[in-house]
């Protein structure tokens, strides 16, 4: 018994929409990072589901690259958040207007 691809696409769409909602409505930098991670995981679900559907491993390979990209994004993002907290004692992204050019 296999699960149809449409269910994976619906799950991916729901996860992506939750991540997009979090990205658009939150002001906390940590929640920004978590929302972007949700969106990347939604893309991974789609990549792996369609790779399984077509019977090749290309989607799984792209999902591995996406996971590496997500790890690098988290490392850079946490560094920025630490600098933000050290300078402003807050992780609200609307506070540091002095960091602009």
N, C-alpha and C. Protein backbone atom coordinates (compact mmCIF):
# COMPACT_ATOMS: atom_id res chain seq x y z
N UNK A 1 0.84 -1.17 0.00
CA UNK A 1 0.00 0.00 0.00
C UNK A 1 0.89 1.24 0.00
N UNK A 2 0.70 2.09 -0.96
CA UNK A 2 1.49 3.32 -1.06
C UNK A 2 0.57 4.53 -0.91
N UNK A 3 1.18 5.61 -0.52
CA UNK A 3 0.46 6.87 -0.37
C UNK A 3 0.60 7.65 -1.67
N UNK A 4 -0.49 8.20 -2.15
CA UNK A 4 -0.45 8.96 -3.39
C UNK A 4 0.36 10.23 -3.21
N UNK A 5 0.88 10.72 -4.34
CA UNK A 5 1.72 11.92 -4.33
C UNK A 5 0.92 13.14 -3.91
N UNK A 6 -0.36 13.16 -4.21
CA UNK A 6 -1.17 14.34 -3.90
C UNK A 6 -1.23 14.61 -2.39
N UNK A 7 -1.15 13.56 -1.58
CA UNK A 7 -1.16 13.77 -0.14
C UNK A 7 0.15 14.40 0.34
N UNK A 8 1.24 13.98 -0.28
CA UNK A 8 2.53 14.60 0.05
C UNK A 8 2.54 16.07 -0.37
N UNK A 9 1.94 16.36 -1.52
CA UNK A 9 1.88 17.74 -1.98
C UNK A 9 1.00 18.58 -1.05
N UNK A 10 -0.09 18.03 -0.60
CA UNK A 10 -0.95 18.75 0.36
C UNK A 10 -0.23 18.99 1.69
N UNK A 11 0.49 17.98 2.17
CA UNK A 11 1.27 18.15 3.39
C UNK A 11 2.33 19.22 3.21
N UNK A 12 3.01 19.18 2.07
CA UNK A 12 4.04 20.17 1.78
C UNK A 12 3.46 21.56 1.68
N UNK A 13 2.30 21.67 1.06
CA UNK A 13 1.65 22.98 0.94
C UNK A 13 1.26 23.53 2.31
N UNK A 14 0.76 22.66 3.18
CA UNK A 14 0.38 23.10 4.52
C UNK A 14 1.60 23.55 5.31
N UNK A 15 2.68 22.80 5.25
CA UNK A 15 3.90 23.17 5.98
C UNK A 15 4.47 24.47 5.43
N UNK A 16 4.45 24.62 4.09
CA UNK A 16 4.96 25.84 3.48
C UNK A 16 4.11 27.05 3.87
N UNK A 17 2.81 26.89 3.90
CA UNK A 17 1.93 28.00 4.28
C UNK A 17 2.12 28.39 5.74
N UNK A 18 2.34 27.42 6.61
CA UNK A 18 2.61 27.73 8.01
C UNK A 18 3.92 28.51 8.12
N UNK A 19 4.93 28.09 7.38
CA UNK A 19 6.20 28.81 7.39
C UNK A 19 6.08 30.21 6.82
N UNK A 20 5.32 30.36 5.75
CA UNK A 20 5.13 31.68 5.16
C UNK A 20 4.36 32.60 6.09
N UNK A 21 3.35 32.06 6.76
CA UNK A 21 2.60 32.85 7.73
C UNK A 21 3.51 33.31 8.87
N UNK A 22 4.34 32.40 9.36
CA UNK A 22 5.27 32.77 10.42
C UNK A 22 6.28 33.80 9.97
N UNK A 23 6.72 33.72 8.73
CA UNK A 23 7.69 34.68 8.20
C UNK A 23 7.08 36.06 8.04
N UNK A 24 5.82 36.13 7.66
CA UNK A 24 5.18 37.42 7.40
C UNK A 24 4.63 38.09 8.66
N UNK A 25 4.34 37.33 9.70
CA UNK A 25 3.67 37.92 10.85
C UNK A 25 4.54 38.08 12.09
N UNK A 26 5.67 37.42 12.16
CA UNK A 26 6.49 37.47 13.38
C UNK A 26 7.56 38.53 13.26
N UNK A 27 7.97 39.07 14.42
CA UNK A 27 9.04 40.05 14.45
C UNK A 27 10.27 39.52 15.17
N UNK A 28 10.18 38.32 15.71
CA UNK A 28 11.30 37.71 16.42
C UNK A 28 12.21 37.03 15.40
N UNK A 29 13.52 37.28 15.50
CA UNK A 29 14.45 36.74 14.53
C UNK A 29 14.55 35.21 14.61
N UNK A 30 14.41 34.66 15.81
CA UNK A 30 14.44 33.20 15.94
C UNK A 30 13.25 32.56 15.25
N UNK A 31 12.10 33.19 15.34
CA UNK A 31 10.91 32.66 14.66
C UNK A 31 11.04 32.81 13.14
N UNK A 32 11.77 33.84 12.69
CA UNK A 32 12.07 33.96 11.26
C UNK A 32 12.84 32.74 10.80
N UNK A 33 13.89 32.38 11.54
CA UNK A 33 14.70 31.23 11.15
C UNK A 33 13.88 29.94 11.16
N UNK A 34 13.04 29.77 12.15
CA UNK A 34 12.22 28.57 12.21
C UNK A 34 11.22 28.53 11.05
N UNK A 35 10.70 29.67 10.66
CA UNK A 35 9.76 29.72 9.54
C UNK A 35 10.44 29.39 8.22
N UNK A 36 11.65 29.89 8.04
CA UNK A 36 12.39 29.57 6.82
C UNK A 36 12.72 28.08 6.78
N UNK A 37 13.04 27.50 7.93
CA UNK A 37 13.29 26.07 8.00
C UNK A 37 12.05 25.26 7.62
N UNK A 38 10.89 25.71 8.07
CA UNK A 38 9.65 25.03 7.68
C UNK A 38 9.44 25.08 6.17
N UNK A 39 9.74 26.23 5.58
CA UNK A 39 9.57 26.37 4.14
C UNK A 39 10.55 25.47 3.38
N UNK A 40 11.78 25.38 3.86
CA UNK A 40 12.75 24.49 3.21
C UNK A 40 12.35 23.03 3.38
N UNK A 41 11.81 22.67 4.54
CA UNK A 41 11.35 21.30 4.74
C UNK A 41 10.17 20.96 3.84
N UNK A 42 9.32 21.93 3.58
CA UNK A 42 8.21 21.71 2.64
C UNK A 42 8.75 21.43 1.25
N UNK A 43 9.77 22.15 0.85
CA UNK A 43 10.39 21.89 -0.46
C UNK A 43 11.02 20.50 -0.47
N UNK A 44 11.63 20.09 0.63
CA UNK A 44 12.22 18.75 0.70
C UNK A 44 11.17 17.66 0.59
N UNK A 45 10.03 17.87 1.21
CA UNK A 45 8.94 16.88 1.10
C UNK A 45 8.53 16.72 -0.36
N UNK A 46 8.39 17.84 -1.06
CA UNK A 46 8.03 17.76 -2.48
C UNK A 46 9.11 17.06 -3.29
N UNK A 47 10.35 17.42 -3.07
CA UNK A 47 11.44 16.81 -3.83
C UNK A 47 11.49 15.30 -3.64
N UNK A 48 11.38 14.85 -2.42
CA UNK A 48 11.46 13.42 -2.15
C UNK A 48 10.21 12.70 -2.65
N UNK A 49 9.05 13.31 -2.52
CA UNK A 49 7.82 12.67 -3.00
C UNK A 49 7.84 12.49 -4.51
N UNK A 50 8.27 13.51 -5.23
CA UNK A 50 8.29 13.38 -6.69
C UNK A 50 9.43 12.49 -7.16
N UNK A 51 10.52 12.42 -6.41
CA UNK A 51 11.58 11.47 -6.75
C UNK A 51 11.07 10.04 -6.59
N UNK A 52 10.31 9.79 -5.54
CA UNK A 52 9.73 8.47 -5.34
C UNK A 52 8.70 8.16 -6.43
N UNK A 53 7.92 9.16 -6.81
CA UNK A 53 6.89 8.97 -7.82
C UNK A 53 7.50 8.63 -9.18
N UNK A 54 8.59 9.30 -9.52
CA UNK A 54 9.23 9.05 -10.82
C UNK A 54 10.24 7.92 -10.78
N UNK A 55 10.59 7.44 -9.60
CA UNK A 55 11.46 6.28 -9.49
C UNK A 55 12.93 6.59 -9.67
N UNK A 56 13.35 7.82 -9.46
CA UNK A 56 14.78 8.13 -9.53
C UNK A 56 15.23 8.79 -8.23
N UNK A 57 16.52 9.00 -8.12
CA UNK A 57 17.07 9.54 -6.88
C UNK A 57 17.46 11.01 -6.98
N UNK A 58 17.11 11.65 -8.06
CA UNK A 58 17.52 13.04 -8.26
C UNK A 58 16.90 13.96 -7.20
N UNK A 59 15.65 13.77 -6.89
CA UNK A 59 14.99 14.59 -5.89
C UNK A 59 15.59 14.41 -4.51
N UNK A 60 15.99 13.18 -4.20
CA UNK A 60 16.62 12.95 -2.91
C UNK A 60 17.99 13.62 -2.83
N UNK A 61 18.70 13.64 -3.94
CA UNK A 61 19.99 14.32 -3.98
C UNK A 61 19.81 15.83 -3.78
N UNK A 62 18.82 16.41 -4.45
CA UNK A 62 18.52 17.83 -4.26
C UNK A 62 18.08 18.12 -2.82
N UNK A 63 17.35 17.19 -2.21
CA UNK A 63 16.93 17.38 -0.82
C UNK A 63 18.14 17.39 0.11
N UNK A 64 19.14 16.55 -0.18
CA UNK A 64 20.36 16.58 0.63
C UNK A 64 21.08 17.92 0.49
N UNK A 65 21.14 18.47 -0.72
CA UNK A 65 21.74 19.78 -0.92
C UNK A 65 20.94 20.86 -0.19
N UNK A 66 19.63 20.73 -0.19
CA UNK A 66 18.79 21.69 0.51
C UNK A 66 19.02 21.62 2.02
N UNK A 67 19.23 20.42 2.55
CA UNK A 67 19.53 20.28 3.97
C UNK A 67 20.88 20.92 4.32
N UNK A 68 21.86 20.78 3.43
CA UNK A 68 23.16 21.43 3.66
C UNK A 68 23.01 22.94 3.61
N UNK A 69 22.20 23.42 2.68
CA UNK A 69 21.92 24.86 2.60
C UNK A 69 21.23 25.35 3.86
N UNK A 70 20.31 24.56 4.38
CA UNK A 70 19.59 24.95 5.60
C UNK A 70 20.54 24.99 6.79
N UNK A 71 21.48 24.06 6.86
CA UNK A 71 22.44 24.07 7.97
C UNK A 71 23.33 25.31 7.90
N UNK A 72 23.76 25.68 6.71
CA UNK A 72 24.58 26.88 6.56
C UNK A 72 23.76 28.13 6.88
N UNK A 73 22.51 28.13 6.48
CA UNK A 73 21.65 29.28 6.76
C UNK A 73 21.42 29.45 8.25
N UNK A 74 21.27 28.36 8.96
CA UNK A 74 21.08 28.44 10.41
C UNK A 74 22.35 28.94 11.08
N UNK A 75 23.51 28.49 10.63
CA UNK A 75 24.76 28.94 11.24
C UNK A 75 24.95 30.44 11.06
N UNK A 76 24.71 30.95 9.86
CA UNK A 76 24.84 32.38 9.62
C UNK A 76 23.75 33.15 10.35
N UNK A 77 22.54 32.65 10.33
CA UNK A 77 21.43 33.31 11.00
C UNK A 77 21.62 33.41 12.50
N UNK A 78 22.11 32.34 13.12
CA UNK A 78 22.35 32.39 14.56
C UNK A 78 23.47 33.36 14.91
N UNK A 79 24.47 33.46 14.04
CA UNK A 79 25.52 34.45 14.25
C UNK A 79 24.97 35.86 14.22
N UNK A 80 24.11 36.13 13.27
CA UNK A 80 23.49 37.46 13.17
C UNK A 80 22.60 37.73 14.39
N UNK A 81 21.88 36.73 14.82
CA UNK A 81 21.01 36.90 15.99
C UNK A 81 21.83 37.16 17.24
N UNK A 82 22.96 36.48 17.39
CA UNK A 82 23.82 36.74 18.55
C UNK A 82 24.36 38.15 18.55
N UNK A 83 24.76 38.66 17.39
CA UNK A 83 25.22 40.05 17.30
C UNK A 83 24.08 41.01 17.60
N UNK A 84 22.90 40.70 17.11
CA UNK A 84 21.73 41.53 17.37
C UNK A 84 21.45 41.60 18.86
N UNK A 85 21.48 40.44 19.53
CA UNK A 85 21.19 40.41 20.96
C UNK A 85 22.29 41.12 21.76
N UNK A 86 23.54 40.94 21.34
CA UNK A 86 24.64 41.57 22.06
C UNK A 86 24.57 43.10 21.96
N UNK A 87 24.18 43.62 20.81
CA UNK A 87 24.15 45.07 20.62
C UNK A 87 22.88 45.73 21.14
N UNK A 88 21.73 45.05 21.01
CA UNK A 88 20.45 45.69 21.31
C UNK A 88 19.69 45.05 22.46
N UNK A 89 20.18 43.94 23.01
CA UNK A 89 19.52 43.21 24.09
C UNK A 89 18.10 42.77 23.73
N UNK A 90 17.89 42.52 22.45
CA UNK A 90 16.59 42.07 21.97
C UNK A 90 16.79 41.40 20.62
N UNK A 91 15.91 40.46 20.27
CA UNK A 91 15.99 39.81 18.97
C UNK A 91 14.83 40.24 18.07
N UNK A 92 14.20 41.34 18.39
CA UNK A 92 13.15 41.91 17.56
C UNK A 92 13.80 42.54 16.33
N UNK A 93 13.33 42.18 15.15
CA UNK A 93 13.99 42.65 13.93
C UNK A 93 13.64 44.08 13.57
N UNK A 94 12.68 44.69 14.25
CA UNK A 94 12.34 46.07 13.95
C UNK A 94 13.17 47.06 14.75
N UNK A 95 13.87 46.58 15.78
CA UNK A 95 14.64 47.46 16.66
C UNK A 95 15.93 47.98 16.00
N UNK A 96 16.73 47.13 15.37
CA UNK A 96 18.06 47.60 14.92
C UNK A 96 18.03 48.39 13.61
N UNK A 97 17.45 49.57 13.64
CA UNK A 97 17.43 50.39 12.44
C UNK A 97 18.77 51.05 12.21
N UNK A 98 19.64 51.07 13.23
CA UNK A 98 20.96 51.67 13.06
C UNK A 98 21.93 50.76 12.31
N UNK A 99 21.54 49.51 12.07
CA UNK A 99 22.41 48.60 11.34
C UNK A 99 22.26 48.76 9.84
N UNK A 100 21.36 49.60 9.41
CA UNK A 100 21.19 49.83 7.98
C UNK A 100 22.34 50.66 7.45
N UNK A 101 22.50 50.68 6.13
CA UNK A 101 23.58 51.42 5.49
C UNK A 101 23.36 52.86 5.75
